[in-house]
Amino acid sequence: MKKSKTAWERVEIARNPKRKTSLDYINKIFDSFIELHGDRNFTDDKAIVCGLAKIGEQSYTIIAEQKGRTTKENIERNFGMPNPESYRKAIRFMKQAEKFNRPVITFIDTKGAYPGIGAEERGQGEAIAKSMFEMAKLKVPIISIVIGEGSSGGALAIGVANKVFMLENAIYSILSPEGYSSILWKDSSRYEEAAEKMKLTAKDLYNLKVIDKIIKETEDNEEGTFLDIANNLQKEITKSIKELKKMSKEQIVENRYQKFRNIGEYIRR
């Protein structure tokens, strides 16, 4: 029998610099994609990519956290750690999606929101909270997909969705295992133990009802495997959006509210 991976092994897979990024998935899942830029206030922060996409005749608004692969790309993308401008850009396109009745698809892949002085001066905490607030009351269907690292408020800021999918080797948590062990035990070397206790794997979160579906994958980076995952995601997105579009706008908002209320009640039991 094949031995199941430990939580820490999945953390290492999720952090693999060769792992497929949001743009890799966007370009395979959707028939077309047009990127849109800027928060109309400060700048265009490239840690979050926003734009319009289509599968067949169905249009979507895309909001995706984007890491780089090379050092140059990571500097350009701020290592996938969004500044406040990214979240304000996301809010701008959430509202546009509602105006034109387009479902929203978000891709989560970040170590967390950028903690720099400039980001804090420009209202990082407020931007994250506002993004969650706007998502909670959006009157169009939302699907969030955790494809790699999903850490802290930087991830949850674009994770308030009607349905949450998660790749099998992705992680989703309040902070990193290193940070958790540093706070809890004052010892960052206990990160492997922390990873187990944090319940950050797809299987753990599915059992806790935090996510709705696990998308099977393997840890290799072969193109054929990636295409299978992308095709599965396309099918799940199409199927779920058809189901959600049967609801009224009020029912979509209520569905999202009840989902997160039920998660809280289930975990408290």
C-alpha atoms as a PDB file:
ATOM      1  CA  MET A   1       0.000   0.000   0.000  1.00  0.00           C
ATOM      2  CA  LYS A   2       1.290   3.439  -0.918  1.00  0.00           C
ATOM      3  CA  LYS A   3       2.268   5.446   2.150  1.00  0.00           C
ATOM      4  CA  SER A   4       0.269   8.632   2.641  1.00  0.00           C
ATOM      5  CA  LYS A   5       2.257  11.860   2.585  1.00  0.00           C
ATOM      6  CA  THR A   6       2.777  13.737   5.836  1.00  0.00           C
ATOM      7  CA  ALA A   7       1.433  17.262   6.213  1.00  0.00           C
ATOM      8  CA  TRP A   8       4.971  18.654   5.991  1.00  0.00           C
ATOM      9  CA  GLU A   9       5.656  16.760   2.770  1.00  0.00           C
ATOM     10  CA  ARG A  10       2.588  18.413   1.264  1.00  0.00           C
ATOM     11  CA  VAL A  11       3.851  21.804   2.473  1.00  0.00           C
ATOM     12  CA  GLU A  12       7.098  21.177   0.585  1.00  0.00           C
ATOM     13  CA  ILE A  13       5.203  20.181  -2.573  1.00  0.00           C
ATOM     14  CA  ALA A  14       2.978  23.271  -2.335  1.00  0.00           C
ATOM     15  CA  ARG A  15       6.083  25.477  -2.043  1.00  0.00           C
ATOM     16  CA  ASN A  16       7.980  23.837  -4.909  1.00  0.00           C
ATOM     17  CA  PRO A  17       9.225  26.685  -7.135  1.00  0.00           C
ATOM     18  CA  LYS A  18       8.463  24.538 -10.208  1.00  0.00           C
ATOM     19  CA  ARG A  19       4.819  24.148  -9.225  1.00  0.00           C
ATOM     20  CA  LYS A  20       2.310  25.504 -11.725  1.00  0.00           C
ATOM     21  CA  THR A  21       1.167  29.066 -11.089  1.00  0.00           C
ATOM     22  CA  SER A  22      -2.223  30.729 -11.424  1.00  0.00           C
ATOM     23  CA  LEU A  23      -1.493  31.987 -14.935  1.00  0.00           C
ATOM     24  CA  ASP A  24      -0.516  28.458 -15.999  1.00  0.00           C
ATOM     25  CA  TYR A  25      -3.952  27.241 -14.906  1.00  0.00           C
ATOM     26  CA  ILE A  26      -5.820  30.227 -16.301  1.00  0.00           C
ATOM     27  CA  ASN A  27      -4.272  29.769 -19.739  1.00  0.00           C
ATOM     28  CA  LYS A  28      -5.229  26.059 -19.820  1.00  0.00           C
ATOM     29  CA  ILE A  29      -8.662  26.142 -18.173  1.00  0.00           C
ATOM     30  CA  PHE A  30     -10.144  29.070 -20.090  1.00  0.00           C
ATOM     31  CA  ASP A  31     -10.586  29.483 -23.828  1.00  0.00           C
ATOM     32  CA  SER A  32      -9.463  33.110 -23.655  1.00  0.00           C
ATOM     33  CA  PHE A  33      -8.138  35.535 -21.036  1.00  0.00           C
ATOM     34  CA  ILE A  34      -7.663  39.310 -21.107  1.00  0.00           C
ATOM     35  CA  GLU A  35      -5.766  40.850 -18.196  1.00  0.00           C
ATOM     36  CA  LEU A  36      -6.972  44.157 -16.765  1.00  0.00           C
ATOM     37  CA  HIS A  37      -4.841  46.434 -14.610  1.00  0.00           C
ATOM     38  CA  GLY A  38      -4.783  48.932 -11.780  1.00  0.00           C
ATOM     39  CA  ASP A  39      -6.731  49.935  -8.679  1.00  0.00           C
ATOM     40  CA  ARG A  40      -7.430  53.459 -10.079  1.00  0.00           C
ATOM     41  CA  ASN A  41      -5.894  54.918  -6.957  1.00  0.00           C
ATOM     42  CA  PHE A  42      -2.209  54.084  -6.503  1.00  0.00           C
ATOM     43  CA  THR A  43      -0.676  51.488  -8.841  1.00  0.00           C
ATOM     44  CA  ASP A  44      -1.016  48.095 -10.521  1.00  0.00           C
ATOM     45  CA  ASP A  45       0.364  45.553  -8.044  1.00  0.00           C
ATOM     46  CA  LYS A  46       1.304  42.413  -9.971  1.00  0.00           C
ATOM     47  CA  ALA A  47       1.001  39.963  -7.059  1.00  0.00           C
ATOM     48  CA  ILE A  48      -2.672  39.650  -8.036  1.00  0.00           C
ATOM     49  CA  VAL A  49      -3.746  39.227 -11.656  1.00  0.00           C
ATOM     50  CA  CYS A  50      -7.270  40.247 -12.662  1.00  0.00           C
ATOM     51  CA  GLY A  51      -9.082  39.934 -15.942  1.00  0.00           C
ATOM     52  CA  LEU A  52     -11.863  38.531 -18.092  1.00  0.00           C
ATOM     53  CA  ALA A  53     -12.027  34.942 -19.321  1.00  0.00           C
ATOM     54  CA  LYS A  54     -14.389  32.597 -21.177  1.00  0.00           C
ATOM     55  CA  ILE A  55     -15.237  28.916 -21.308  1.00  0.00           C
ATOM     56  CA  GLY A  56     -17.441  28.485 -24.344  1.00  0.00           C
ATOM     57  CA  GLU A  57     -20.051  31.248 -24.199  1.00  0.00           C
ATOM     58  CA  GLN A  58     -19.787  31.765 -20.430  1.00  0.00           C
ATOM     59  CA  SER A  59     -17.784  34.796 -19.313  1.00  0.00           C
ATOM     60  CA  TYR A  60     -15.941  34.983 -15.984  1.00  0.00           C
ATOM     61  CA  THR A  61     -14.059  37.516 -13.900  1.00  0.00           C
ATOM     62  CA  ILE A  62     -10.686  36.148 -12.769  1.00  0.00           C
ATOM     63  CA  ILE A  63      -8.825  37.206  -9.615  1.00  0.00           C
ATOM     64  CA  ALA A  64      -5.596  35.262  -9.050  1.00  0.00           C
ATOM     65  CA  GLU A  65      -2.556  35.451  -6.800  1.00  0.00           C
ATOM     66  CA  GLN A  66       0.525  35.047  -8.948  1.00  0.00           C
ATOM     67  CA  LYS A  67       4.045  33.968  -7.969  1.00  0.00           C
ATOM     68  CA  GLY A  68       7.098  34.087 -10.210  1.00  0.00           C
ATOM     69  CA  ARG A  69       9.571  31.324 -11.024  1.00  0.00           C
ATOM     70  CA  THR A  70      12.827  33.186 -11.595  1.00  0.00           C
ATOM     71  CA  THR A  71      14.240  35.764  -9.189  1.00  0.00           C
ATOM     72  CA  LYS A  72      13.335  38.518 -11.660  1.00  0.00           C
ATOM     73  CA  GLU A  73       9.733  37.298 -11.945  1.00  0.00           C
ATOM     74  CA  ASN A  74       9.383  36.956  -8.180  1.00  0.00           C
ATOM     75  CA  ILE A  75      10.617  40.507  -7.618  1.00  0.00           C
ATOM     76  CA  GLU A  76       8.121  41.744 -10.235  1.00  0.00           C
ATOM     77  CA  ARG A  77       5.314  39.746  -8.561  1.00  0.00           C
ATOM     78  CA  ASN A  78       6.505  40.591  -5.025  1.00  0.00           C
ATOM     79  CA  PHE A  79       6.914  36.824  -4.449  1.00  0.00           C
ATOM     80  CA  GLY A  80       3.142  36.455  -4.717  1.00  0.00           C
ATOM     81  CA  MET A  81       2.533  38.572  -1.598  1.00  0.00           C
ATOM     82  CA  PRO A  82      -0.108  41.210  -2.405  1.00  0.00           C
ATOM     83  CA  ASN A  83       0.059  44.852  -1.398  1.00  0.00           C
ATOM     84  CA  PRO A  84      -3.169  46.741  -0.547  1.00  0.00           C
ATOM     85  CA  GLU A  85      -3.396  47.832  -4.188  1.00  0.00           C
ATOM     86  CA  SER A  86      -3.865  44.220  -5.260  1.00  0.00           C
ATOM     87  CA  TYR A  87      -6.886  43.774  -2.999  1.00  0.00           C
ATOM     88  CA  ARG A  88      -8.337  47.116  -4.099  1.00  0.00           C
ATOM     89  CA  LYS A  89      -7.849  46.070  -7.708  1.00  0.00           C
ATOM     90  CA  ALA A  90      -9.638  42.806  -6.896  1.00  0.00           C
ATOM     91  CA  ILE A  91     -12.543  44.715  -5.296  1.00  0.00           C
ATOM     92  CA  ARG A  92     -12.816  46.895  -8.397  1.00  0.00           C
ATOM     93  CA  PHE A  93     -13.276  43.841 -10.606  1.00  0.00           C
ATOM     94  CA  MET A  94     -15.591  42.081  -8.142  1.00  0.00           C
ATOM     95  CA  LYS A  95     -17.956  45.050  -8.438  1.00  0.00           C
ATOM     96  CA  GLN A  96     -17.594  45.029 -12.209  1.00  0.00           C
ATOM     97  CA  ALA A  97     -18.444  41.309 -12.238  1.00  0.00           C
ATOM     98  CA  GLU A  98     -21.621  42.004 -10.287  1.00  0.00           C
ATOM     99  CA  LYS A  99     -22.574  44.854 -12.631  1.00  0.00           C
ATOM    100  CA  PHE A 100     -22.275  42.622 -15.706  1.00  0.00           C
ATOM    101  CA  ASN A 101     -23.511  39.447 -13.960  1.00  0.00           C
ATOM    102  CA  ARG A 102     -20.267  37.484 -14.425  1.00  0.00           C
ATOM    103  CA  PRO A 103     -19.292  34.655 -12.051  1.00  0.00           C
ATOM    104  CA  VAL A 104     -16.004  35.207 -10.205  1.00  0.00           C
ATOM    105  CA  ILE A 105     -13.211  32.621 -10.101  1.00  0.00           C
ATOM    106  CA  THR A 106     -10.303  33.197  -7.714  1.00  0.00           C
ATOM    107  CA  PHE A 107      -6.992  31.348  -7.535  1.00  0.00           C
ATOM    108  CA  ILE A 108      -5.282  31.279  -4.136  1.00  0.00           C
ATOM    109  CA  ASP A 109      -1.496  30.888  -3.949  1.00  0.00           C
ATOM    110  CA  THR A 110       0.343  33.119  -1.470  1.00  0.00           C
ATOM    111  CA  LYS A 111       2.540  32.977   1.619  1.00  0.00           C
ATOM    112  CA  GLY A 112       0.438  35.877   2.898  1.00  0.00           C
ATOM    113  CA  ALA A 113      -0.192  39.551   2.321  1.00  0.00           C
ATOM    114  CA  TYR A 114       2.969  41.664   2.097  1.00  0.00           C
ATOM    115  CA  PRO A 115       3.913  42.876   5.624  1.00  0.00           C
ATOM    116  CA  GLY A 116       6.117  45.813   4.575  1.00  0.00           C
ATOM    117  CA  ILE A 117       5.972  49.301   6.108  1.00  0.00           C
ATOM    118  CA  GLY A 118       4.593  50.853   2.916  1.00  0.00           C
ATOM    119  CA  ALA A 119       1.826  48.264   2.709  1.00  0.00           C
ATOM    120  CA  GLU A 120       0.832  48.946   6.315  1.00  0.00           C
ATOM    121  CA  GLU A 121       0.909  52.713   5.736  1.00  0.00           C
ATOM    122  CA  ARG A 122      -1.449  52.296   2.770  1.00  0.00           C
ATOM    123  CA  GLY A 123      -3.937  50.246   4.804  1.00  0.00           C
ATOM    124  CA  GLN A 124      -3.129  46.566   4.324  1.00  0.00           C
ATOM    125  CA  GLY A 125      -5.480  45.335   7.044  1.00  0.00           C
ATOM    126  CA  GLU A 126      -8.352  47.516   5.840  1.00  0.00           C
ATOM    127  CA  ALA A 127      -7.870  46.357   2.247  1.00  0.00           C
ATOM    128  CA  ILE A 128      -8.020  42.672   3.261  1.00  0.00           C
ATOM    129  CA  ALA A 129     -11.103  43.231   5.423  1.00  0.00           C
ATOM    130  CA  LYS A 130     -12.838  45.246   2.684  1.00  0.00           C
ATOM    131  CA  SER A 131     -12.120  42.518   0.130  1.00  0.00           C
ATOM    132  CA  MET A 132     -13.721  39.880   2.379  1.00  0.00           C
ATOM    133  CA  PHE A 133     -16.665  42.191   3.082  1.00  0.00           C
ATOM    134  CA  GLU A 134     -17.296  42.849  -0.616  1.00  0.00           C
ATOM    135  CA  MET A 135     -17.012  39.154  -1.502  1.00  0.00           C
ATOM    136  CA  ALA A 136     -19.468  38.185   1.226  1.00  0.00           C
ATOM    137  CA  LYS A 137     -22.230  40.343  -0.278  1.00  0.00           C
ATOM    138  CA  LEU A 138     -21.464  39.874  -3.982  1.00  0.00           C
ATOM    139  CA  LYS A 139     -24.594  38.839  -5.904  1.00  0.00           C
ATOM    140  CA  VAL A 140     -22.859  36.574  -8.414  1.00  0.00           C
ATOM    141  CA  PRO A 141     -21.482  33.031  -7.919  1.00  0.00           C
ATOM    142  CA  ILE A 142     -17.906  32.770  -6.630  1.00  0.00           C
ATOM    143  CA  ILE A 143     -15.561  29.783  -6.804  1.00  0.00           C
ATOM    144  CA  SER A 144     -12.161  29.857  -5.077  1.00  0.00           C
ATOM    145  CA  ILE A 145      -9.406  27.382  -5.965  1.00  0.00           C
ATOM    146  CA  VAL A 146      -6.384  26.814  -3.697  1.00  0.00           C
ATOM    147  CA  ILE A 147      -3.595  25.731  -6.048  1.00  0.00           C
ATOM    148  CA  GLY A 148      -0.478  26.044  -3.861  1.00  0.00           C
ATOM    149  CA  GLU A 149       0.133  27.888  -0.612  1.00  0.00           C
ATOM    150  CA  GLY A 150      -2.880  29.526   0.941  1.00  0.00           C
ATOM    151  CA  SER A 151      -1.741  31.350   4.050  1.00  0.00           C
ATOM    152  CA  SER A 152      -3.225  33.928   6.399  1.00  0.00           C
ATOM    153  CA  GLY A 153      -5.519  36.830   5.536  1.00  0.00           C
ATOM    154  CA  GLY A 154      -3.623  37.215   2.289  1.00  0.00           C
ATOM    155  CA  ALA A 155      -5.357  34.079   1.073  1.00  0.00           C
ATOM    156  CA  LEU A 156      -8.720  34.461   2.806  1.00  0.00           C
ATOM    157  CA  ALA A 157      -9.083  37.953   1.310  1.00  0.00           C
ATOM    158  CA  ILE A 158     -10.079  36.315  -1.971  1.00  0.00           C
ATOM    159  CA  GLY A 159     -11.460  33.084  -0.495  1.00  0.00           C
ATOM    160  CA  VAL A 160     -15.004  34.020   0.593  1.00  0.00           C
ATOM    161  CA  ALA A 161     -16.725  31.878  -2.022  1.00  0.00           C
ATOM    162  CA  ASN A 162     -19.814  29.759  -2.619  1.00  0.00           C
ATOM    163  CA  LYS A 163     -17.534  26.813  -3.386  1.00  0.00           C
ATOM    164  CA  VAL A 164     -13.888  26.235  -2.483  1.00  0.00           C
ATOM    165  CA  PHE A 165     -11.815  23.687  -4.400  1.00  0.00           C
ATOM    166  CA  MET A 166      -8.332  22.630  -3.365  1.00  0.00           C
ATOM    167  CA  LEU A 167      -5.605  20.739  -5.156  1.00  0.00           C
ATOM    168  CA  GLU A 168      -4.583  17.553  -3.345  1.00  0.00           C
ATOM    169  CA  ASN A 169      -1.068  18.797  -2.562  1.00  0.00           C
ATOM    170  CA  ALA A 170      -2.000  22.393  -1.764  1.00  0.00           C
ATOM    171  CA  ILE A 171      -2.165  23.809   1.778  1.00  0.00           C
ATOM    172  CA  TYR A 172      -4.556  26.323   3.387  1.00  0.00           C
ATOM    173  CA  SER A 173      -3.926  27.741   6.860  1.00  0.00           C
ATOM    174  CA  ILE A 174      -3.848  30.741   9.180  1.00  0.00           C
ATOM    175  CA  LEU A 175      -0.037  31.060   8.863  1.00  0.00           C
ATOM    176  CA  SER A 176       3.053  29.027   8.049  1.00  0.00           C
ATOM    177  CA  PRO A 177       4.053  25.989  10.144  1.00  0.00           C
ATOM    178  CA  GLU A 178       7.284  27.811  11.038  1.00  0.00           C
ATOM    179  CA  GLY A 179       5.317  30.800  12.300  1.00  0.00           C
ATOM    180  CA  TYR A 180       2.868  28.584  14.172  1.00  0.00           C
ATOM    181  CA  SER A 181       5.637  26.700  16.016  1.00  0.00           C
ATOM    182  CA  SER A 182       7.465  29.958  16.808  1.00  0.00           C
ATOM    183  CA  ILE A 183       4.350  31.422  18.421  1.00  0.00           C
ATOM    184  CA  LEU A 184       3.077  28.286  20.155  1.00  0.00           C
ATOM    185  CA  TRP A 185       6.334  26.713  21.342  1.00  0.00           C
ATOM    186  CA  LYS A 186       8.867  29.550  20.842  1.00  0.00           C
ATOM    187  CA  ASP A 187      10.745  27.086  18.635  1.00  0.00           C
ATOM    188  CA  SER A 188      10.552  27.371  14.840  1.00  0.00           C
ATOM    189  CA  SER A 189      12.402  24.053  14.403  1.00  0.00           C
ATOM    190  CA  ARG A 190       9.207  22.151  15.309  1.00  0.00           C
ATOM    191  CA  TYR A 191       7.610  23.061  11.975  1.00  0.00           C
ATOM    192  CA  GLU A 192       6.903  19.446  10.985  1.00  0.00           C
ATOM    193  CA  GLU A 193       4.961  18.839  14.183  1.00  0.00           C
ATOM    194  CA  ALA A 194       3.161  22.137  13.692  1.00  0.00           C
ATOM    195  CA  ALA A 195       2.115  21.190  10.157  1.00  0.00           C
ATOM    196  CA  GLU A 196       0.382  18.065  11.498  1.00  0.00           C
ATOM    197  CA  LYS A 197      -1.454  19.962  14.228  1.00  0.00           C
ATOM    198  CA  MET A 198      -2.586  22.792  11.953  1.00  0.00           C
ATOM    199  CA  LYS A 199      -4.852  20.574   9.781  1.00  0.00           C
ATOM    200  CA  LEU A 200      -3.735  22.414   6.664  1.00  0.00           C
ATOM    201  CA  THR A 201      -3.971  19.648   4.048  1.00  0.00           C
ATOM    202  CA  ALA A 202      -6.798  19.220   1.557  1.00  0.00           C
ATOM    203  CA  LYS A 203      -7.976  16.031   3.281  1.00  0.00           C
ATOM    204  CA  ASP A 204      -8.049  17.716   6.705  1.00  0.00           C
ATOM    205  CA  LEU A 205      -9.948  20.726   5.406  1.00  0.00           C
ATOM    206  CA  TYR A 206     -12.431  18.605   3.476  1.00  0.00           C
ATOM    207  CA  ASN A 207     -13.183  16.660   6.670  1.00  0.00           C
ATOM    208  CA  LEU A 208     -13.649  19.970   8.509  1.00  0.00           C
ATOM    209  CA  LYS A 209     -16.011  21.133   5.718  1.00  0.00           C
ATOM    210  CA  VAL A 210     -13.830  24.164   4.984  1.00  0.00           C
ATOM    211  CA  ILE A 211     -13.473  23.123   1.334  1.00  0.00           C
ATOM    212  CA  ASP A 212     -15.991  21.499  -0.987  1.00  0.00           C
ATOM    213  CA  LYS A 213     -13.853  19.349  -3.268  1.00  0.00           C
ATOM    214  CA  ILE A 214     -10.338  17.935  -3.524  1.00  0.00           C
ATOM    215  CA  ILE A 215      -8.835  17.976  -7.016  1.00  0.00           C
ATOM    216  CA  LYS A 216      -6.589  14.920  -7.378  1.00  0.00           C
ATOM    217  CA  GLU A 217      -2.992  15.439  -8.470  1.00  0.00           C
ATOM    218  CA  THR A 218       0.493  13.991  -8.203  1.00  0.00           C
ATOM    219  CA  GLU A 219       3.612  15.770  -7.024  1.00  0.00           C
ATOM    220  CA  ASP A 220       5.378  15.511 -10.380  1.00  0.00           C
ATOM    221  CA  ASN A 221       5.335  18.394 -12.835  1.00  0.00           C
ATOM    222  CA  GLU A 222       4.780  16.465 -16.048  1.00  0.00           C
ATOM    223  CA  GLU A 223       2.740  18.350 -18.638  1.00  0.00           C
ATOM    224  CA  GLY A 224       0.266  15.495 -19.093  1.00  0.00           C
ATOM    225  CA  THR A 225      -0.545  15.429 -15.391  1.00  0.00           C
ATOM    226  CA  PHE A 226      -0.991  19.204 -15.369  1.00  0.00           C
ATOM    227  CA  LEU A 227      -3.385  19.034 -18.330  1.00  0.00           C
ATOM    228  CA  ASP A 228      -5.472  16.412 -16.512  1.00  0.00           C
ATOM    229  CA  ILE A 229      -5.737  18.677 -13.464  1.00  0.00           C
ATOM    230  CA  ALA A 230      -6.634  21.703 -15.609  1.00  0.00           C
ATOM    231  CA  ASN A 231      -9.296  19.705 -17.468  1.00  0.00           C
ATOM    232  CA  ASN A 232     -10.777  18.478 -14.169  1.00  0.00           C
ATOM    233  CA  LEU A 233     -10.896  22.038 -12.862  1.00  0.00           C
ATOM    234  CA  GLN A 234     -12.598  23.235 -16.032  1.00  0.00           C
ATOM    235  CA  LYS A 235     -15.280  20.551 -15.640  1.00  0.00           C
ATOM    236  CA  GLU A 236     -15.826  21.359 -11.960  1.00  0.00           C
ATOM    237  CA  ILE A 237     -16.038  25.096 -12.616  1.00  0.00           C
ATOM    238  CA  THR A 238     -18.536  24.631 -15.450  1.00  0.00           C
ATOM    239  CA  LYS A 239     -20.663  22.187 -13.445  1.00  0.00           C
ATOM    240  CA  SER A 240     -20.703  24.300 -10.279  1.00  0.00           C
ATOM    241  CA  ILE A 241     -21.487  27.559 -12.050  1.00  0.00           C
ATOM    242  CA  LYS A 242     -24.451  25.934 -13.834  1.00  0.00           C
ATOM    243  CA  GLU A 243     -25.787  24.830 -10.452  1.00  0.00           C
ATOM    244  CA  LEU A 244     -25.226  28.199  -8.773  1.00  0.00           C
ATOM    245  CA  LYS A 245     -26.786  30.157 -11.653  1.00  0.00           C
ATOM    246  CA  LYS A 246     -30.090  28.415 -10.931  1.00  0.00           C
ATOM    247  CA  MET A 247     -30.263  30.428  -7.700  1.00  0.00           C
ATOM    248  CA  SER A 248     -31.537  33.965  -7.380  1.00  0.00           C
ATOM    249  CA  LYS A 249     -29.073  36.727  -6.437  1.00  0.00           C
ATOM    250  CA  GLU A 250     -30.397  36.701  -2.890  1.00  0.00           C
ATOM    251  CA  GLN A 251     -30.017  32.921  -2.659  1.00  0.00           C
ATOM    252  CA  ILE A 252     -26.399  33.118  -3.885  1.00  0.00           C
ATOM    253  CA  VAL A 253     -25.526  35.563  -1.093  1.00  0.00           C
ATOM    254  CA  GLU A 254     -27.387  33.478   1.491  1.00  0.00           C
ATOM    255  CA  ASN A 255     -25.695  30.290   0.262  1.00  0.00           C
ATOM    256  CA  ARG A 256     -22.283  31.888   0.808  1.00  0.00           C
ATOM    257  CA  TYR A 257     -23.280  33.213   4.239  1.00  0.00           C
ATOM    258  CA  GLN A 258     -24.598  29.867   5.406  1.00  0.00           C
ATOM    259  CA  LYS A 259     -21.505  28.045   4.116  1.00  0.00           C
ATOM    260  CA  PHE A 260     -19.158  30.029   6.350  1.00  0.00           C
ATOM    261  CA  ARG A 261     -21.567  30.106   9.278  1.00  0.00           C
ATOM    262  CA  ASN A 262     -21.855  26.316   9.109  1.00  0.00           C
ATOM    263  CA  ILE A 263     -18.058  25.928   8.970  1.00  0.00           C
ATOM    264  CA  GLY A 264     -17.742  27.881  12.210  1.00  0.00           C
ATOM    265  CA  GLU A 265     -20.459  25.869  13.933  1.00  0.00           C
ATOM    266  CA  TYR A 266     -18.994  22.547  12.749  1.00  0.00           C
ATOM    267  CA  ILE A 267     -15.487  23.387  13.982  1.00  0.00           C
ATOM    268  CA  ARG A 268     -16.778  24.598  17.359  1.00  0.00           C
ATOM    269  CA  ARG A 269     -18.475  21.254  18.051  1.00  0.00           C
END
